[in-house]
PDB file of N, CA and C in Angstrom:
ATOM      1  N   MET A   1     -23.935 -18.233   0.943  1.00  0.00           N
ATOM      2  CA  MET A   1     -23.411 -19.194   1.914  1.00  0.00           C
ATOM      3  C   MET A   1     -21.959 -19.526   1.568  1.00  0.00           C
ATOM      4  N   VAL A   2     -21.730 -19.857   0.316  1.00  0.00           N
ATOM      5  CA  VAL A   2     -20.370 -20.229  -0.139  1.00  0.00           C
ATOM      6  C   VAL A   2     -19.451 -18.976  -0.058  1.00  0.00           C
ATOM      7  N   GLU A   3     -20.051 -17.812  -0.384  1.00  0.00           N
ATOM      8  CA  GLU A   3     -19.245 -16.566  -0.292  1.00  0.00           C
ATOM      9  C   GLU A   3     -18.845 -16.256   1.196  1.00  0.00           C
ATOM     10  N   SER A   4     -19.734 -16.506   2.116  1.00  0.00           N
ATOM     11  CA  SER A   4     -19.354 -16.228   3.525  1.00  0.00           C
ATOM     12  C   SER A   4     -18.302 -17.204   3.997  1.00  0.00           C
ATOM     13  N   LYS A   5     -18.386 -18.488   3.574  1.00  0.00           N
ATOM     14  CA  LYS A   5     -17.316 -19.420   3.972  1.00  0.00           C
ATOM     15  C   LYS A   5     -15.998 -19.030   3.405  1.00  0.00           C
ATOM     16  N   GLU A   6     -16.016 -18.585   2.151  1.00  0.00           N
ATOM     17  CA  GLU A   6     -14.732 -18.193   1.493  1.00  0.00           C
ATOM     18  C   GLU A   6     -14.160 -16.942   2.234  1.00  0.00           C
ATOM     19  N   THR A   7     -14.974 -16.022   2.561  1.00  0.00           N
ATOM     20  CA  THR A   7     -14.539 -14.836   3.249  1.00  0.00           C
ATOM     21  C   THR A   7     -13.942 -15.208   4.589  1.00  0.00           C
ATOM     22  N   ARG A   8     -14.605 -16.109   5.309  1.00  0.00           N
ATOM     23  CA  ARG A   8     -14.115 -16.569   6.632  1.00  0.00           C
ATOM     24  C   ARG A   8     -12.783 -17.265   6.471  1.00  0.00           C
ATOM     25  N   LYS A   9     -12.618 -18.151   5.480  1.00  0.00           N
ATOM     26  CA  LYS A   9     -11.337 -18.812   5.256  1.00  0.00           C
ATOM     27  C   LYS A   9     -10.186 -17.837   4.960  1.00  0.00           C
ATOM     28  N   LEU A  10     -10.476 -16.863   4.099  1.00  0.00           N
ATOM     29  CA  LEU A  10      -9.468 -15.877   3.774  1.00  0.00           C
ATOM     30  C   LEU A  10      -9.075 -15.038   5.006  1.00  0.00           C
ATOM     31  N   LYS A  11     -10.123 -14.709   5.829  1.00  0.00           N
ATOM     32  CA  LYS A  11      -9.867 -13.968   7.041  1.00  0.00           C
ATOM     33  C   LYS A  11      -8.952 -14.767   8.013  1.00  0.00           C
ATOM     34  N   GLU A  12      -9.195 -16.020   8.226  1.00  0.00           N
ATOM     35  CA  GLU A  12      -8.371 -16.920   9.088  1.00  0.00           C
ATOM     36  C   GLU A  12      -7.017 -17.107   8.527  1.00  0.00           C
ATOM     37  N   LYS A  13      -6.885 -17.206   7.203  1.00  0.00           N
ATOM     38  CA  LYS A  13      -5.592 -17.373   6.599  1.00  0.00           C
ATOM     39  C   LYS A  13      -4.755 -16.146   6.821  1.00  0.00           C
ATOM     40  N   SER A  14      -5.288 -14.894   6.727  1.00  0.00           N
ATOM     41  CA  SER A  14      -4.528 -13.735   6.903  1.00  0.00           C
ATOM     42  C   SER A  14      -4.161 -13.547   8.374  1.00  0.00           C
ATOM     43  N   LYS A  15      -4.989 -13.970   9.313  1.00  0.00           N
ATOM     44  CA  LYS A  15      -4.680 -13.893  10.734  1.00  0.00           C
ATOM     45  C   LYS A  15      -3.509 -14.801  11.069  1.00  0.00           C
ATOM     46  N   SER A  16      -3.503 -16.016  10.563  1.00  0.00           N
ATOM     47  CA  SER A  16      -2.455 -16.990  10.909  1.00  0.00           C
ATOM     48  C   SER A  16      -1.103 -16.602  10.366  1.00  0.00           C
ATOM     49  N   LYS A  17      -1.050 -15.765   9.327  1.00  0.00           N
ATOM     50  CA  LYS A  17       0.211 -15.344   8.754  1.00  0.00           C
ATOM     51  C   LYS A  17       1.037 -14.496   9.745  1.00  0.00           C
ATOM     52  N   HIS A  18       0.374 -13.715  10.490  1.00  0.00           N
ATOM     53  CA  HIS A  18       1.085 -12.776  11.423  1.00  0.00           C
ATOM     54  C   HIS A  18       0.797 -13.164  12.913  1.00  0.00           C
ATOM     55  N   SER A  19       0.985 -14.423  13.232  1.00  0.00           N
ATOM     56  CA  SER A  19       0.751 -14.841  14.591  1.00  0.00           C
ATOM     57  C   SER A  19       1.953 -14.624  15.451  1.00  0.00           C
ATOM     58  N   VAL A  20       1.881 -14.984  16.722  1.00  0.00           N
ATOM     59  CA  VAL A  20       2.980 -14.855  17.629  1.00  0.00           C
ATOM     60  C   VAL A  20       4.154 -15.662  17.171  1.00  0.00           C
ATOM     61  N   LEU A  21       3.891 -16.882  16.683  1.00  0.00           N
ATOM     62  CA  LEU A  21       4.987 -17.742  16.187  1.00  0.00           C
ATOM     63  C   LEU A  21       5.681 -17.092  14.988  1.00  0.00           C
ATOM     64  N   PHE A  22       4.929 -16.451  14.139  1.00  0.00           N
ATOM     65  CA  PHE A  22       5.523 -15.759  13.023  1.00  0.00           C
ATOM     66  C   PHE A  22       6.500 -14.641  13.446  1.00  0.00           C
ATOM     67  N   GLY A  23       6.042 -13.930  14.496  1.00  0.00           N
ATOM     68  CA  GLY A  23       6.867 -12.881  15.051  1.00  0.00           C
ATOM     69  C   GLY A  23       8.149 -13.417  15.687  1.00  0.00           C
ATOM     70  N   LEU A  24       8.006 -14.486  16.400  1.00  0.00           N
ATOM     71  CA  LEU A  24       9.221 -15.129  17.023  1.00  0.00           C
ATOM     72  C   LEU A  24      10.147 -15.680  15.975  1.00  0.00           C
ATOM     73  N   GLY A  25       9.595 -16.200  14.879  1.00  0.00           N
ATOM     74  CA  GLY A  25      10.442 -16.684  13.811  1.00  0.00           C
ATOM     75  C   GLY A  25      11.187 -15.544  13.124  1.00  0.00           C
ATOM     76  N   MET A  26      10.505 -14.468  12.977  1.00  0.00           N
ATOM     77  CA  MET A  26      11.131 -13.294  12.348  1.00  0.00           C
ATOM     78  C   MET A  26      12.210 -12.717  13.280  1.00  0.00           C
ATOM     79  N   PHE A  27      11.988 -12.718  14.555  1.00  0.00           N
ATOM     80  CA  PHE A  27      12.974 -12.285  15.521  1.00  0.00           C
ATOM     81  C   PHE A  27      14.202 -13.159  15.463  1.00  0.00           C
ATOM     82  N   GLY A  28      14.007 -14.486  15.378  1.00  0.00           N
ATOM     83  CA  GLY A  28      15.160 -15.373  15.262  1.00  0.00           C
ATOM     84  C   GLY A  28      15.906 -15.177  13.950  1.00  0.00           C
ATOM     85  N   LEU A  29      15.170 -14.940  12.873  1.00  0.00           N
ATOM     86  CA  LEU A  29      15.825 -14.738  11.590  1.00  0.00           C
ATOM     87  C   LEU A  29      16.663 -13.451  11.569  1.00  0.00           C
ATOM     88  N   VAL A  30      16.166 -12.413  12.204  1.00  0.00           N
ATOM     89  CA  VAL A  30      16.924 -11.164  12.313  1.00  0.00           C
ATOM     90  C   VAL A  30      18.188 -11.384  13.137  1.00  0.00           C
ATOM     91  N   GLY A  31      18.043 -12.088  14.252  1.00  0.00           N
ATOM     92  CA  GLY A  31      19.199 -12.354  15.096  1.00  0.00           C
ATOM     93  C   GLY A  31      20.276 -13.133  14.366  1.00  0.00           C
ATOM     94  N   TRP A  32      19.909 -14.205  13.686  1.00  0.00           N
ATOM     95  CA  TRP A  32      20.915 -15.040  12.944  1.00  0.00           C
ATOM     96  C   TRP A  32      21.485 -14.267  11.790  1.00  0.00           C
ATOM     97  N   SER A  33      20.678 -13.381  11.159  1.00  0.00           N
ATOM     98  CA  SER A  33      21.250 -12.644  10.035  1.00  0.00           C
ATOM     99  C   SER A  33      22.329 -11.641  10.475  1.00  0.00           C
ATOM    100  N   VAL A  34      22.312 -11.268  11.738  1.00  0.00           N
ATOM    101  CA  VAL A  34      23.377 -10.404  12.245  1.00  0.00           C
ATOM    102  C   VAL A  34      24.517 -11.222  12.825  1.00  0.00           C
ATOM    103  N   VAL A  35      24.207 -12.279  13.549  1.00  0.00           N
ATOM    104  CA  VAL A  35      25.237 -13.072  14.227  1.00  0.00           C
ATOM    105  C   VAL A  35      26.120 -13.783  13.230  1.00  0.00           C
ATOM    106  N   VAL A  36      25.601 -14.430  12.235  1.00  0.00           N
ATOM    107  CA  VAL A  36      26.416 -15.268  11.349  1.00  0.00           C
ATOM    108  C   VAL A  36      27.480 -14.457  10.578  1.00  0.00           C
ATOM    109  N   PRO A  37      27.183 -13.340   9.934  1.00  0.00           N
ATOM    110  CA  PRO A  37      28.246 -12.593   9.252  1.00  0.00           C
ATOM    111  C   PRO A  37      29.257 -12.003  10.236  1.00  0.00           C
ATOM    112  N   THR A  38      28.788 -11.599  11.458  1.00  0.00           N
ATOM    113  CA  THR A  38      29.709 -11.098  12.465  1.00  0.00           C
ATOM    114  C   THR A  38      30.705 -12.138  12.881  1.00  0.00           C
ATOM    115  N   LEU A  39      30.200 -13.318  13.195  1.00  0.00           N
ATOM    116  CA  LEU A  39      31.109 -14.382  13.571  1.00  0.00           C
ATOM    117  C   LEU A  39      32.048 -14.847  12.489  1.00  0.00           C
ATOM    118  N   LEU A  40      31.509 -14.926  11.263  1.00  0.00           N
ATOM    119  CA  LEU A  40      32.379 -15.303  10.113  1.00  0.00           C
ATOM    120  C   LEU A  40      33.456 -14.250   9.939  1.00  0.00           C
ATOM    121  N   GLY A  41      33.162 -12.990  10.046  1.00  0.00           N
ATOM    122  CA  GLY A  41      34.146 -11.957   9.962  1.00  0.00           C
ATOM    123  C   GLY A  41      35.198 -12.096  11.072  1.00  0.00           C
ATOM    124  N   ALA A  42      34.770 -12.355  12.297  1.00  0.00           N
ATOM    125  CA  ALA A  42      35.696 -12.516  13.391  1.00  0.00           C
ATOM    126  C   ALA A  42      36.632 -13.690  13.197  1.00  0.00           C
ATOM    127  N   PHE A  43      36.095 -14.832  12.802  1.00  0.00           N
ATOM    128  CA  PHE A  43      36.880 -16.015  12.575  1.00  0.00           C
ATOM    129  C   PHE A  43      37.886 -15.875  11.438  1.00  0.00           C
ATOM    130  N   LEU A  44      37.449 -15.237  10.343  1.00  0.00           N
ATOM    131  CA  LEU A  44      38.346 -14.955   9.269  1.00  0.00           C
ATOM    132  C   LEU A  44      39.435 -13.937   9.728  1.00  0.00           C
ATOM    133  N   GLY A  45      39.038 -12.975  10.529  1.00  0.00           N
ATOM    134  CA  GLY A  45      40.014 -11.999  11.001  1.00  0.00           C
ATOM    135  C   GLY A  45      41.076 -12.647  11.940  1.00  0.00           C
ATOM    136  N   VAL A  46      40.656 -13.550  12.814  1.00  0.00           N
ATOM    137  CA  VAL A  46      41.581 -14.251  13.642  1.00  0.00           C
ATOM    138  C   VAL A  46      42.557 -15.046  12.845  1.00  0.00           C
ATOM    139  N   TRP A  47      42.088 -15.719  11.799  1.00  0.00           N
ATOM    140  CA  TRP A  47      42.931 -16.565  10.958  1.00  0.00           C
ATOM    141  C   TRP A  47      43.938 -15.650  10.220  1.00  0.00           C
ATOM    142  N   LEU A  48      43.438 -14.517   9.652  1.00  0.00           N
ATOM    143  CA  LEU A  48      44.328 -13.546   8.967  1.00  0.00           C
ATOM    144  C   LEU A  48      45.392 -12.943   9.927  1.00  0.00           C
ATOM    145  N   ASP A  49      44.982 -12.652  11.141  1.00  0.00           N
ATOM    146  CA  ASP A  49      45.940 -12.154  12.114  1.00  0.00           C
ATOM    147  C   ASP A  49      47.038 -13.167  12.463  1.00  0.00           C
ATOM    148  N   LYS A  50      46.709 -14.459  12.439  1.00  0.00           N
ATOM    149  CA  LYS A  50      47.727 -15.441  12.713  1.00  0.00           C
ATOM    150  C   LYS A  50      48.640 -15.674  11.547  1.00  0.00           C
ATOM    151  N   GLN A  51      48.051 -15.562  10.345  1.00  0.00           N
ATOM    152  CA  GLN A  51      48.824 -15.798   9.096  1.00  0.00           C
ATOM    153  C   GLN A  51      49.706 -14.578   8.760  1.00  0.00           C
ATOM    154  N   PHE A  52      49.156 -13.408   8.951  1.00  0.00           N
ATOM    155  CA  PHE A  52      49.857 -12.186   8.544  1.00  0.00           C
ATOM    156  C   PHE A  52      49.857 -11.200   9.680  1.00  0.00           C
ATOM    157  N   PRO A  53      50.742 -11.381  10.715  1.00  0.00           N
ATOM    158  CA  PRO A  53      50.729 -10.482  11.863  1.00  0.00           C
ATOM    159  C   PRO A  53      51.172  -9.113  11.429  1.00  0.00           C
ATOM    160  N   GLY A  54      50.641  -8.087  12.019  1.00  0.00           N
ATOM    161  CA  GLY A  54      50.983  -6.726  11.640  1.00  0.00           C
ATOM    162  C   GLY A  54      50.386  -5.760  12.656  1.00  0.00           C
ATOM    163  N   LYS A  55      50.460  -4.471  12.295  1.00  0.00           N
ATOM    164  CA  LYS A  55      49.946  -3.432  13.164  1.00  0.00           C
ATOM    165  C   LYS A  55      48.417  -3.393  13.210  1.00  0.00           C
ATOM    166  N   GLN A  56      47.806  -3.596  12.052  1.00  0.00           N
ATOM    167  CA  GLN A  56      46.353  -3.509  11.996  1.00  0.00           C
ATOM    168  C   GLN A  56      45.735  -4.861  12.464  1.00  0.00           C
ATOM    169  N   SER A  57      44.590  -4.793  13.048  1.00  0.00           N
ATOM    170  CA  SER A  57      43.848  -5.937  13.477  1.00  0.00           C
ATOM    171  C   SER A  57      42.825  -6.374  12.499  1.00  0.00           C
ATOM    172  N   TRP A  58      43.080  -7.440  11.815  1.00  0.00           N
ATOM    173  CA  TRP A  58      42.061  -7.940  10.872  1.00  0.00           C
ATOM    174  C   TRP A  58      40.829  -8.450  11.598  1.00  0.00           C
ATOM    175  N   THR A  59      41.015  -8.940  12.803  1.00  0.00           N
ATOM    176  CA  THR A  59      39.859  -9.408  13.576  1.00  0.00           C
ATOM    177  C   THR A  59      38.823  -8.320  13.773  1.00  0.00           C
ATOM    178  N   LEU A  60      39.282  -7.200  14.297  1.00  0.00           N
ATOM    179  CA  LEU A  60      38.373  -6.047  14.554  1.00  0.00           C
ATOM    180  C   LEU A  60      37.812  -5.529  13.256  1.00  0.00           C
ATOM    181  N   THR A  61      38.596  -5.412  12.232  1.00  0.00           N
ATOM    182  CA  THR A  61      38.145  -4.861  10.966  1.00  0.00           C
ATOM    183  C   THR A  61      37.007  -5.754  10.359  1.00  0.00           C
ATOM    184  N   LEU A  62      37.299  -7.027  10.284  1.00  0.00           N
ATOM    185  CA  LEU A  62      36.337  -7.956   9.668  1.00  0.00           C
ATOM    186  C   LEU A  62      35.105  -8.175  10.535  1.00  0.00           C
ATOM    187  N   LEU A  63      35.337  -8.129  11.876  1.00  0.00           N
ATOM    188  CA  LEU A  63      34.172  -8.187  12.757  1.00  0.00           C
ATOM    189  C   LEU A  63      33.221  -7.061  12.501  1.00  0.00           C
ATOM    190  N   LEU A  64      33.765  -5.873  12.361  1.00  0.00           N
ATOM    191  CA  LEU A  64      32.938  -4.649  12.123  1.00  0.00           C
ATOM    192  C   LEU A  64      32.246  -4.729  10.744  1.00  0.00           C
ATOM    193  N   ILE A  65      32.964  -5.193   9.742  1.00  0.00           N
ATOM    194  CA  ILE A  65      32.365  -5.353   8.431  1.00  0.00           C
ATOM    195  C   ILE A  65      31.281  -6.392   8.455  1.00  0.00           C
ATOM    196  N   GLY A  66      31.447  -7.503   9.174  1.00  0.00           N
ATOM    197  CA  GLY A  66      30.444  -8.544   9.297  1.00  0.00           C
ATOM    198  C   GLY A  66      29.198  -8.035  10.043  1.00  0.00           C
ATOM    199  N   LEU A  67      29.451  -7.189  11.028  1.00  0.00           N
ATOM    200  CA  LEU A  67      28.331  -6.639  11.824  1.00  0.00           C
ATOM    201  C   LEU A  67      27.549  -5.684  10.935  1.00  0.00           C
ATOM    202  N   ILE A  68      28.219  -4.892  10.185  1.00  0.00           N
ATOM    203  CA  ILE A  68      27.529  -3.902   9.288  1.00  0.00           C
ATOM    204  C   ILE A  68      26.734  -4.657   8.231  1.00  0.00           C
ATOM    205  N   ALA A  69      27.347  -5.690   7.665  1.00  0.00           N
ATOM    206  CA  ALA A  69      26.640  -6.481   6.567  1.00  0.00           C
ATOM    207  C   ALA A  69      25.413  -7.194   7.184  1.00  0.00           C
ATOM    208  N   GLY A  70      25.597  -7.719   8.392  1.00  0.00           N
ATOM    209  CA  GLY A  70      24.446  -8.428   9.001  1.00  0.00           C
ATOM    210  C   GLY A  70      23.320  -7.462   9.353  1.00  0.00           C
ATOM    211  N   CYS A  71      23.628  -6.299   9.860  1.00  0.00           N
ATOM    212  CA  CYS A  71      22.609  -5.289  10.163  1.00  0.00           C
ATOM    213  C   CYS A  71      21.878  -4.797   8.901  1.00  0.00           C
ATOM    214  N   ALA A  72      22.640  -4.662   7.868  1.00  0.00           N
ATOM    215  CA  ALA A  72      22.027  -4.245   6.553  1.00  0.00           C
ATOM    216  C   ALA A  72      21.092  -5.277   6.064  1.00  0.00           C
ATOM    217  N   THR A  73      21.524  -6.550   6.148  1.00  0.00           N
ATOM    218  CA  THR A  73      20.628  -7.694   5.732  1.00  0.00           C
ATOM    219  C   THR A  73      19.340  -7.724   6.549  1.00  0.00           C
ATOM    220  N   ALA A  74      19.496  -7.591   7.888  1.00  0.00           N
ATOM    221  CA  ALA A  74      18.338  -7.628   8.772  1.00  0.00           C
ATOM    222  C   ALA A  74      17.364  -6.451   8.410  1.00  0.00           C
ATOM    223  N   TRP A  75      17.978  -5.277   8.213  1.00  0.00           N
ATOM    224  CA  TRP A  75      17.204  -4.084   7.889  1.00  0.00           C
ATOM    225  C   TRP A  75      16.362  -4.295   6.598  1.00  0.00           C
ATOM    226  N   HIS A  76      17.021  -4.925   5.593  1.00  0.00           N
ATOM    227  CA  HIS A  76      16.330  -5.204   4.330  1.00  0.00           C
ATOM    228  C   HIS A  76      15.203  -6.151   4.538  1.00  0.00           C
ATOM    229  N   TRP A  77      15.375  -7.255   5.288  1.00  0.00           N
ATOM    230  CA  TRP A  77      14.352  -8.177   5.520  1.00  0.00           C
ATOM    231  C   TRP A  77      13.174  -7.554   6.286  1.00  0.00           C
ATOM    232  N   LEU A  78      13.464  -6.777   7.291  1.00  0.00           N
ATOM    233  CA  LEU A  78      12.422  -6.164   8.112  1.00  0.00           C
ATOM    234  C   LEU A  78      11.653  -5.117   7.264  1.00  0.00           C
ATOM    235  N   SER A  79      12.261  -4.312   6.516  1.00  0.00           N
ATOM    236  CA  SER A  79      11.580  -3.320   5.714  1.00  0.00           C
ATOM    237  C   SER A  79      10.697  -4.010   4.663  1.00  0.00           C
ATOM    238  N   ARG A  80      11.190  -5.124   4.076  1.00  0.00           N
ATOM    239  CA  ARG A  80      10.389  -5.883   3.111  1.00  0.00           C
ATOM    240  C   ARG A  80       9.127  -6.447   3.795  1.00  0.00           C
ATOM    241  N   GLU A  81       9.328  -6.999   4.999  1.00  0.00           N
ATOM    242  CA  GLU A  81       8.188  -7.520   5.730  1.00  0.00           C
ATOM    243  C   GLU A  81       7.205  -6.440   6.093  1.00  0.00           C
ATOM    244  N   ASP A  82       7.706  -5.312   6.510  1.00  0.00           N
ATOM    245  CA  ASP A  82       6.826  -4.171   6.833  1.00  0.00           C
ATOM    246  C   ASP A  82       6.016  -3.739   5.651  1.00  0.00           C
ATOM    247  N   LYS A  83       6.625  -3.690   4.495  1.00  0.00           N
ATOM    248  CA  LYS A  83       5.935  -3.318   3.245  1.00  0.00           C
ATOM    249  C   LYS A  83       4.808  -4.328   2.985  1.00  0.00           C
ATOM    250  N   ASP A  84       5.080  -5.656   3.161  1.00  0.00           N
ATOM    251  CA  ASP A  84       4.072  -6.685   2.950  1.00  0.00           C
ATOM    252  C   ASP A  84       2.906  -6.511   3.899  1.00  0.00           C
ATOM    253  N   ILE A  85       3.193  -6.225   5.123  1.00  0.00           N
ATOM    254  CA  ILE A  85       2.136  -6.101   6.176  1.00  0.00           C
ATOM    255  C   ILE A  85       1.223  -4.927   5.789  1.00  0.00           C
ATOM    256  N   HIS A  86       1.859  -3.819   5.435  1.00  0.00           N
ATOM    257  CA  HIS A  86       1.031  -2.615   5.024  1.00  0.00           C
ATOM    258  C   HIS A  86       0.253  -2.842   3.750  1.00  0.00           C
ATOM    259  N   LYS A  87       0.859  -3.574   2.827  1.00  0.00           N
ATOM    260  CA  LYS A  87       0.123  -3.888   1.580  1.00  0.00           C
ATOM    261  C   LYS A  87      -1.123  -4.778   1.874  1.00  0.00           C
ATOM    262  N   ASP A  88      -0.957  -5.804   2.795  1.00  0.00           N
ATOM    263  CA  ASP A  88      -2.039  -6.646   3.189  1.00  0.00           C
ATOM    264  C   ASP A  88      -3.153  -5.827   3.889  1.00  0.00           C
ATOM    265  N   LYS A  89      -2.803  -4.900   4.713  1.00  0.00           N
ATOM    266  CA  LYS A  89      -3.765  -4.093   5.411  1.00  0.00           C
ATOM    267  C   LYS A  89      -4.563  -3.218   4.432  1.00  0.00           C
ATOM    268  N   GLU A  90      -3.847  -2.631   3.427  1.00  0.00           N
ATOM    269  CA  GLU A  90      -4.525  -1.848   2.465  1.00  0.00           C
ATOM    270  C   GLU A  90      -5.476  -2.676   1.606  1.00  0.00           C
ATOM    271  N   GLU A  91      -5.120  -3.898   1.285  1.00  0.00           N
ATOM    272  CA  GLU A  91      -5.946  -4.774   0.526  1.00  0.00           C
ATOM    273  C   GLU A  91      -7.224  -5.136   1.315  1.00  0.00           C
ATOM    274  N   LYS A  92      -7.091  -5.326   2.610  1.00  0.00           N
ATOM    275  CA  LYS A  92      -8.240  -5.645   3.447  1.00  0.00           C
ATOM    276  C   LYS A  92      -9.221  -4.506   3.532  1.00  0.00           C
ATOM    277  N   ASN A  93      -8.670  -3.286   3.518  1.00  0.00           N
ATOM    278  CA  ASN A  93      -9.558  -2.143   3.619  1.00  0.00           C
ATOM    279  C   ASN A  93     -10.278  -1.820   2.325  1.00  0.00           C
ATOM    280  N   GLU A  94      -9.833  -2.322   1.176  1.00  0.00           N
ATOM    281  CA  GLU A  94     -10.503  -2.066  -0.088  1.00  0.00           C
ATOM    282  C   GLU A  94     -11.738  -2.953  -0.237  1.00  0.00           C
TER     283      GLU A  94
END
């Protein structure tokens, strides 16, 4: 009886970890991880363009660097979460 209750609790706990709200939260986290570095790069680039005018555009350069950094961060978080999900599934099958 106690064992079945414990099994049921563990099953419910694992279900709630990957709910719809969890997915929406992860979606928001990915979005912000891309947007924040991109905007920071753009703002820094605008400031540098005003301070040091020249042929090259610091705004475009730093915007691109921020975008790449944000995408790399999002990719890292998503791949880590994917590994955790697959690890949990393997543990359930054992």
